[in-house]
C-alpha atoms as a PDB file:
ATOM      1  CA  UNK A   1      30.729 -10.826  26.199  1.00  0.00           C
ATOM      2  CA  UNK A   2      29.849 -11.416  29.874  1.00  0.00           C
ATOM      3  CA  UNK A   3      30.678  -7.813  30.762  1.00  0.00           C
ATOM      4  CA  UNK A   4      28.458  -6.526  27.952  1.00  0.00           C
ATOM      5  CA  UNK A   5      25.609  -8.808  29.034  1.00  0.00           C
ATOM      6  CA  UNK A   6      25.948  -7.546  32.620  1.00  0.00           C
ATOM      7  CA  UNK A   7      25.871  -3.946  31.367  1.00  0.00           C
ATOM      8  CA  UNK A   8      22.796  -4.748  29.272  1.00  0.00           C
ATOM      9  CA  UNK A   9      21.069  -6.266  32.319  1.00  0.00           C
ATOM     10  CA  UNK A  10      21.919  -3.223  34.415  1.00  0.00           C
ATOM     11  CA  UNK A  11      20.777  -0.786  31.706  1.00  0.00           C
ATOM     12  CA  UNK A  12      17.500  -2.627  31.113  1.00  0.00           C
ATOM     13  CA  UNK A  13      17.058  -3.138  34.876  1.00  0.00           C
ATOM     14  CA  UNK A  14      16.724  -6.909  34.497  1.00  0.00           C
ATOM     15  CA  UNK A  15      18.018 -10.010  36.196  1.00  0.00           C
ATOM     16  CA  UNK A  16      19.607 -12.798  34.155  1.00  0.00           C
ATOM     17  CA  UNK A  17      16.517 -14.973  34.660  1.00  0.00           C
ATOM     18  CA  UNK A  18      14.233 -12.141  33.479  1.00  0.00           C
ATOM     19  CA  UNK A  19      16.366 -11.707  30.365  1.00  0.00           C
ATOM     20  CA  UNK A  20      16.177 -15.453  29.757  1.00  0.00           C
ATOM     21  CA  UNK A  21      12.397 -15.428  30.136  1.00  0.00           C
ATOM     22  CA  UNK A  22      11.912 -12.418  27.871  1.00  0.00           C
ATOM     23  CA  UNK A  23      14.118 -13.809  25.121  1.00  0.00           C
ATOM     24  CA  UNK A  24      13.048 -17.450  25.332  1.00  0.00           C
ATOM     25  CA  UNK A  25      16.535 -18.597  26.351  1.00  0.00           C
ATOM     26  CA  UNK A  26      16.652 -21.420  28.890  1.00  0.00           C
ATOM     27  CA  UNK A  27      17.666 -20.149  32.311  1.00  0.00           C
ATOM     28  CA  UNK A  28      20.358 -22.805  32.601  1.00  0.00           C
ATOM     29  CA  UNK A  29      21.942 -21.680  29.318  1.00  0.00           C
ATOM     30  CA  UNK A  30      21.794 -18.060  30.484  1.00  0.00           C
ATOM     31  CA  UNK A  31      23.479 -19.053  33.733  1.00  0.00           C
ATOM     32  CA  UNK A  32      26.247 -20.974  31.924  1.00  0.00           C
ATOM     33  CA  UNK A  33      26.955 -18.020  29.608  1.00  0.00           C
ATOM     34  CA  UNK A  34      26.898 -15.482  32.454  1.00  0.00           C
ATOM     35  CA  UNK A  35      29.305 -17.636  34.533  1.00  0.00           C
ATOM     36  CA  UNK A  36      31.673 -18.043  31.575  1.00  0.00           C
ATOM     37  CA  UNK A  37      31.174 -21.811  31.424  1.00  0.00           C
ATOM     38  CA  UNK A  38      29.789 -21.636  27.854  1.00  0.00           C
ATOM     39  CA  UNK A  39      30.138 -19.082  25.096  1.00  0.00           C
ATOM     40  CA  UNK A  40      27.022 -17.447  23.708  1.00  0.00           C
ATOM     41  CA  UNK A  41      25.680 -19.198  20.607  1.00  0.00           C
ATOM     42  CA  UNK A  42      24.419 -17.402  17.535  1.00  0.00           C
ATOM     43  CA  UNK A  43      20.861 -18.324  18.573  1.00  0.00           C
ATOM     44  CA  UNK A  44      21.497 -16.794  22.016  1.00  0.00           C
ATOM     45  CA  UNK A  45      22.698 -13.516  20.464  1.00  0.00           C
ATOM     46  CA  UNK A  46      19.897 -13.439  17.884  1.00  0.00           C
ATOM     47  CA  UNK A  47      17.221 -13.886  20.546  1.00  0.00           C
ATOM     48  CA  UNK A  48      18.580 -10.937  22.521  1.00  0.00           C
ATOM     49  CA  UNK A  49      18.794  -8.749  19.414  1.00  0.00           C
ATOM     50  CA  UNK A  50      15.318  -9.758  18.312  1.00  0.00           C
ATOM     51  CA  UNK A  51      13.815  -8.879  21.710  1.00  0.00           C
ATOM     52  CA  UNK A  52      15.831  -5.679  22.161  1.00  0.00           C
ATOM     53  CA  UNK A  53      15.859  -4.050  18.747  1.00  0.00           C
ATOM     54  CA  UNK A  54      17.567  -0.933  20.107  1.00  0.00           C
ATOM     55  CA  UNK A  55      20.715  -2.879  21.092  1.00  0.00           C
ATOM     56  CA  UNK A  56      23.589  -2.375  18.677  1.00  0.00           C
ATOM     57  CA  UNK A  57      24.672  -5.807  17.314  1.00  0.00           C
ATOM     58  CA  UNK A  58      28.277  -4.617  16.862  1.00  0.00           C
ATOM     59  CA  UNK A  59      28.409  -3.615  20.497  1.00  0.00           C
ATOM     60  CA  UNK A  60      26.916  -6.888  21.739  1.00  0.00           C
ATOM     61  CA  UNK A  61      29.131  -9.087  19.559  1.00  0.00           C
ATOM     62  CA  UNK A  62      32.398  -7.147  19.406  1.00  0.00           C
ATOM     63  CA  UNK A  63      32.176  -4.332  21.944  1.00  0.00           C
ATOM     64  CA  UNK A  64      32.332  -1.731  19.166  1.00  0.00           C
ATOM     65  CA  UNK A  65      30.200   1.371  19.010  1.00  0.00           C
ATOM     66  CA  UNK A  66      27.477   2.456  21.405  1.00  0.00           C
ATOM     67  CA  UNK A  67      25.329  -0.076  23.252  1.00  0.00           C
ATOM     68  CA  UNK A  68      22.118   1.508  21.983  1.00  0.00           C
ATOM     69  CA  UNK A  69      21.692   2.155  18.255  1.00  0.00           C
ATOM     70  CA  UNK A  70      21.573   5.724  17.031  1.00  0.00           C
ATOM     71  CA  UNK A  71      18.189   7.326  17.372  1.00  0.00           C
ATOM     72  CA  UNK A  72      17.442   6.966  13.682  1.00  0.00           C
ATOM     73  CA  UNK A  73      13.917   6.043  12.775  1.00  0.00           C
ATOM     74  CA  UNK A  74      14.860   3.350  10.265  1.00  0.00           C
ATOM     75  CA  UNK A  75      17.936   1.274   9.556  1.00  0.00           C
ATOM     76  CA  UNK A  76      19.422   1.179   6.036  1.00  0.00           C
ATOM     77  CA  UNK A  77      17.324  -1.763   4.827  1.00  0.00           C
ATOM     78  CA  UNK A  78      14.151  -0.108   6.049  1.00  0.00           C
ATOM     79  CA  UNK A  79      15.225   3.179   4.438  1.00  0.00           C
ATOM     80  CA  UNK A  80      15.644   1.376   1.112  1.00  0.00           C
ATOM     81  CA  UNK A  81      12.192  -0.195   1.479  1.00  0.00           C
ATOM     82  CA  UNK A  82      10.711   3.172   2.423  1.00  0.00           C
ATOM     83  CA  UNK A  83      12.258   4.855  -0.620  1.00  0.00           C
ATOM     84  CA  UNK A  84      10.943   2.080  -2.901  1.00  0.00           C
ATOM     85  CA  UNK A  85       7.446   2.517  -1.425  1.00  0.00           C
ATOM     86  CA  UNK A  86       7.683   6.268  -1.968  1.00  0.00           C
ATOM     87  CA  UNK A  87       8.625   5.719  -5.629  1.00  0.00           C
ATOM     88  CA  UNK A  88       5.747   3.257  -6.103  1.00  0.00           C
ATOM     89  CA  UNK A  89       3.362   5.663  -4.372  1.00  0.00           C
ATOM     90  CA  UNK A  90       4.452   8.520  -6.649  1.00  0.00           C
ATOM     91  CA  UNK A  91       3.975   6.341  -9.739  1.00  0.00           C
ATOM     92  CA  UNK A  92       0.477   5.397  -8.558  1.00  0.00           C
ATOM     93  CA  UNK A  93      -0.365   9.056  -7.914  1.00  0.00           C
ATOM     94  CA  UNK A  94       0.722   9.914 -11.461  1.00  0.00           C
ATOM     95  CA  UNK A  95      -1.413   7.084 -12.874  1.00  0.00           C
ATOM     96  CA  UNK A  96      -4.419   8.316 -10.876  1.00  0.00           C
ATOM     97  CA  UNK A  97      -3.850  11.850 -12.136  1.00  0.00           C
ATOM     98  CA  UNK A  98      -3.741  10.612 -15.737  1.00  0.00           C
ATOM     99  CA  UNK A  99      -6.907   8.535 -15.256  1.00  0.00           C
ATOM    100  CA  UNK A 100      -8.702  11.489 -13.679  1.00  0.00           C
ATOM    101  CA  UNK A 101      -7.739  13.652 -16.668  1.00  0.00           C
ATOM    102  CA  UNK A 102      -9.097  11.007 -19.055  1.00  0.00           C
ATOM    103  CA  UNK A 103     -12.323  10.749 -17.052  1.00  0.00           C
ATOM    104  CA  UNK A 104     -12.664  14.537 -17.031  1.00  0.00           C
ATOM    105  CA  UNK A 105     -12.109  14.676 -20.795  1.00  0.00           C
ATOM    106  CA  UNK A 106     -14.601  11.861 -21.410  1.00  0.00           C
ATOM    107  CA  UNK A 107     -17.170  13.595 -19.209  1.00  0.00           C
ATOM    108  CA  UNK A 108     -16.642  16.873 -21.082  1.00  0.00           C
ATOM    109  CA  UNK A 109     -17.002  15.049 -24.413  1.00  0.00           C
ATOM    110  CA  UNK A 110     -20.207  13.374 -23.185  1.00  0.00           C
ATOM    111  CA  UNK A 111     -21.667  16.686 -22.082  1.00  0.00           C
ATOM    112  CA  UNK A 112     -20.716  18.328 -25.366  1.00  0.00           C
ATOM    113  CA  UNK A 113     -22.128  15.399 -27.343  1.00  0.00           C
ATOM    114  CA  UNK A 114     -25.389  15.537 -25.386  1.00  0.00           C
ATOM    115  CA  UNK A 115     -25.746  19.277 -25.932  1.00  0.00           C
ATOM    116  CA  UNK A 116     -24.984  19.044 -29.656  1.00  0.00           C
ATOM    117  CA  UNK A 117     -27.283  16.074 -30.145  1.00  0.00           C
ATOM    118  CA  UNK A 118     -30.103  17.212 -27.921  1.00  0.00           C
ATOM    119  CA  UNK A 119     -29.945  14.010 -25.859  1.00  0.00           C
ATOM    120  CA  UNK A 120     -31.994  14.052 -22.695  1.00  0.00           C
ATOM    121  CA  UNK A 121     -31.546  11.486 -19.957  1.00  0.00           C
ATOM    122  CA  UNK A 122     -34.718   9.610 -19.115  1.00  0.00           C
ATOM    123  CA  UNK A 123     -34.915   6.545 -16.930  1.00  0.00           C
ATOM    124  CA  UNK A 124     -37.164   4.363 -19.083  1.00  0.00           C
ATOM    125  CA  UNK A 125     -35.451   1.030 -18.502  1.00  0.00           C
ATOM    126  CA  UNK A 126     -35.741  -1.051 -15.389  1.00  0.00           C
ATOM    127  CA  UNK A 127     -31.942  -1.258 -15.251  1.00  0.00           C
ATOM    128  CA  UNK A 128     -30.686   1.492 -12.908  1.00  0.00           C
ATOM    129  CA  UNK A 129     -28.700   4.129 -14.703  1.00  0.00           C
ATOM    130  CA  UNK A 130     -29.861   3.084 -18.173  1.00  0.00           C
ATOM    131  CA  UNK A 131     -31.337   5.590 -20.598  1.00  0.00           C
ATOM    132  CA  UNK A 132     -33.111   4.739 -23.841  1.00  0.00           C
ATOM    133  CA  UNK A 133     -33.169   7.250 -26.670  1.00  0.00           C
ATOM    134  CA  UNK A 134     -36.100   7.540 -29.057  1.00  0.00           C
ATOM    135  CA  UNK A 135     -35.286   7.877 -32.738  1.00  0.00           C
ATOM    136  CA  UNK A 136     -35.961  11.610 -32.529  1.00  0.00           C
ATOM    137  CA  UNK A 137     -33.325  11.970 -29.800  1.00  0.00           C
ATOM    138  CA  UNK A 138     -30.691   9.775 -31.433  1.00  0.00           C
ATOM    139  CA  UNK A 139     -27.818  11.639 -33.111  1.00  0.00           C
ATOM    140  CA  UNK A 140     -28.071  11.523 -36.881  1.00  0.00           C
ATOM    141  CA  UNK A 141     -31.808  10.817 -36.924  1.00  0.00           C
ATOM    142  CA  UNK A 142     -33.331  11.375 -40.327  1.00  0.00           C
ATOM    143  CA  UNK A 143     -30.030  10.989 -42.160  1.00  0.00           C
ATOM    144  CA  UNK A 144     -29.650   8.281 -44.801  1.00  0.00           C
ATOM    145  CA  UNK A 145     -28.880   4.884 -43.263  1.00  0.00           C
ATOM    146  CA  UNK A 146     -26.473   3.612 -45.910  1.00  0.00           C
ATOM    147  CA  UNK A 147     -23.725   2.926 -43.354  1.00  0.00           C
ATOM    148  CA  UNK A 148     -23.718  -0.649 -42.030  1.00  0.00           C
ATOM    149  CA  UNK A 149     -22.278   0.145 -38.606  1.00  0.00           C
ATOM    150  CA  UNK A 150     -24.456   1.981 -36.133  1.00  0.00           C
ATOM    151  CA  UNK A 151     -23.991   2.881 -32.518  1.00  0.00           C
ATOM    152  CA  UNK A 152     -26.536   1.049 -30.389  1.00  0.00           C
ATOM    153  CA  UNK A 153     -25.155   1.611 -26.874  1.00  0.00           C
ATOM    154  CA  UNK A 154     -23.028   4.326 -25.310  1.00  0.00           C
ATOM    155  CA  UNK A 155     -21.565   3.721 -21.853  1.00  0.00           C
ATOM    156  CA  UNK A 156     -20.306   6.673 -19.825  1.00  0.00           C
ATOM    157  CA  UNK A 157     -17.937   5.959 -16.942  1.00  0.00           C
ATOM    158  CA  UNK A 158     -17.782   8.383 -14.031  1.00  0.00           C
ATOM    159  CA  UNK A 159     -14.835   9.021 -11.714  1.00  0.00           C
ATOM    160  CA  UNK A 160     -16.733   7.592  -8.726  1.00  0.00           C
ATOM    161  CA  UNK A 161     -16.851   4.171 -10.419  1.00  0.00           C
ATOM    162  CA  UNK A 162     -20.488   4.452 -11.520  1.00  0.00           C
ATOM    163  CA  UNK A 163     -21.642   4.399 -15.119  1.00  0.00           C
ATOM    164  CA  UNK A 164     -24.642   5.231 -17.270  1.00  0.00           C
ATOM    165  CA  UNK A 165     -25.759   3.424 -20.386  1.00  0.00           C
ATOM    166  CA  UNK A 166     -27.536   5.074 -23.315  1.00  0.00           C
ATOM    167  CA  UNK A 167     -29.372   2.633 -25.629  1.00  0.00           C
ATOM    168  CA  UNK A 168     -30.745   3.319 -29.084  1.00  0.00           C
ATOM    169  CA  UNK A 169     -34.374   2.302 -29.297  1.00  0.00           C
ATOM    170  CA  UNK A 170     -34.623  -0.244 -32.161  1.00  0.00           C
END
């Protein structure tokens, strides 16, 4: 362990006291470990690995493998998290696509309905975006009113989050 710590110090161009300061290890503990008086504790090792994320834990602990981790962008745990985020992102994109299709279809239906019914948008209400239809403009005007249910308000939602209300004049 001492030899690997010395190599780490040399590679990082640090003194033992600088390493202690950067990792939050007491200088006296660093000195005892470097002189072989004490063995490095788990906390000691973890502080070094936390500060120097490029140091290979297997190398520091056991002398196995290269001192510096491979030049991969992410470790396995991060790769798993990245893949999960990609899957979630793709699912959200598909949901957005479906919602946009529904909005497009609703907008097309609204336009078709307006053309067929002769509805004209007029801003007669004080509420922004509201439109009131006179009886002459309301679909089905002049037809027998034997049906109990009647449409009194139509709300159109737009893909930018805005909406427009159409009210039947009573």
